[in-house]
């Protein structure tokens, strides 16, 4: 079951994907409201979707191609309250990501290259202890914070390289979406394709820049997959420049391709009480298999990124834009 969120002037709706159409739901205008209602009524989310399905049908093709007044939104948001959403992620979960990080952070001398970097050391810990037996707790993964809901962009919206940034590069990943119930228990709503988007040039200067390199926009969607399997998920990421394919790569995610299990990642994210605040939404990126930056690609304004995972719906497409350079320090005013 796949859901999308769409908006037209003065209204927004949730729709069930029935290719090549979208079937609108009654009574709810956001997945956030839909999920909260499912929790309050103690019912399965998929059952509630079926209960609220209307007879209103729209053309998915027209909306996806931009030929409709309806526009795709990110598949999860907190309307009017972006601060309710926390966006975070986990790195060094895929072998490919470890190789790229090792290449970025290795020193140039032969002696230093022979030594294992902190990134590879952490990855090896994950391989050894990241998939614990049921009921056991594995080792903690790398974790990073990206921002609140204001950084999440809809499909086809530009991902903007800030004026202070050194670069902007795609990271094709699956993201999990969670809602915290009134009793503080986390509930996974579903999974969606995502472009995590980071500043890899800044990160490459020193691995301690990782935290700052992640404070960037990201994109999700267009579809939220309910009850999606996450064992073996093949996909493809494509970079278009002037409508031509600049770079393309087959990728794989899912637990079979990761050194951490999904359960272990979820435990280590939600073990913190601050991550279990009632009514909060969490978007958590599960890590990337590879990135074009690792193969020498530098995105430019006007490029288009496309991320697609099998079983997760239509491709997530976003153009790249860049803000004017920041040339003066930000002025902070004193409260007197």
Foldseek 3Di string as FASTA:
>chain_A
DKKFKKDAVPAIFIWDDDPQKTFTFPDDRAVLVLVQVCVVVVHDSVVSRVVRTDPDMDGNVCQVVVNDSMHTWFNHADPPCQQLEWEKEFELFFPLRLVLVLVLAQDDDPVRNVDGDPSVVLNVQLLVFQEDDPPDATDATDMETAGTRVQEGEFAAAFAAEQAAPAKWWFWFKKWKWAFAPVLDIDTFFIWIKTQMFRSVQCSVDVVCVRVRSNGHMYTDRIGDGPDAFAKKKKKKFKDAPNHTPDIDIFIGGPPRTSHHPVNNVCNQSVDSVSRHHGGMYIYTYYGNHTVVSVPDTDDAQMKMWIDIPPRDDIRIHGYHYDHHDDDDDDDDDDD
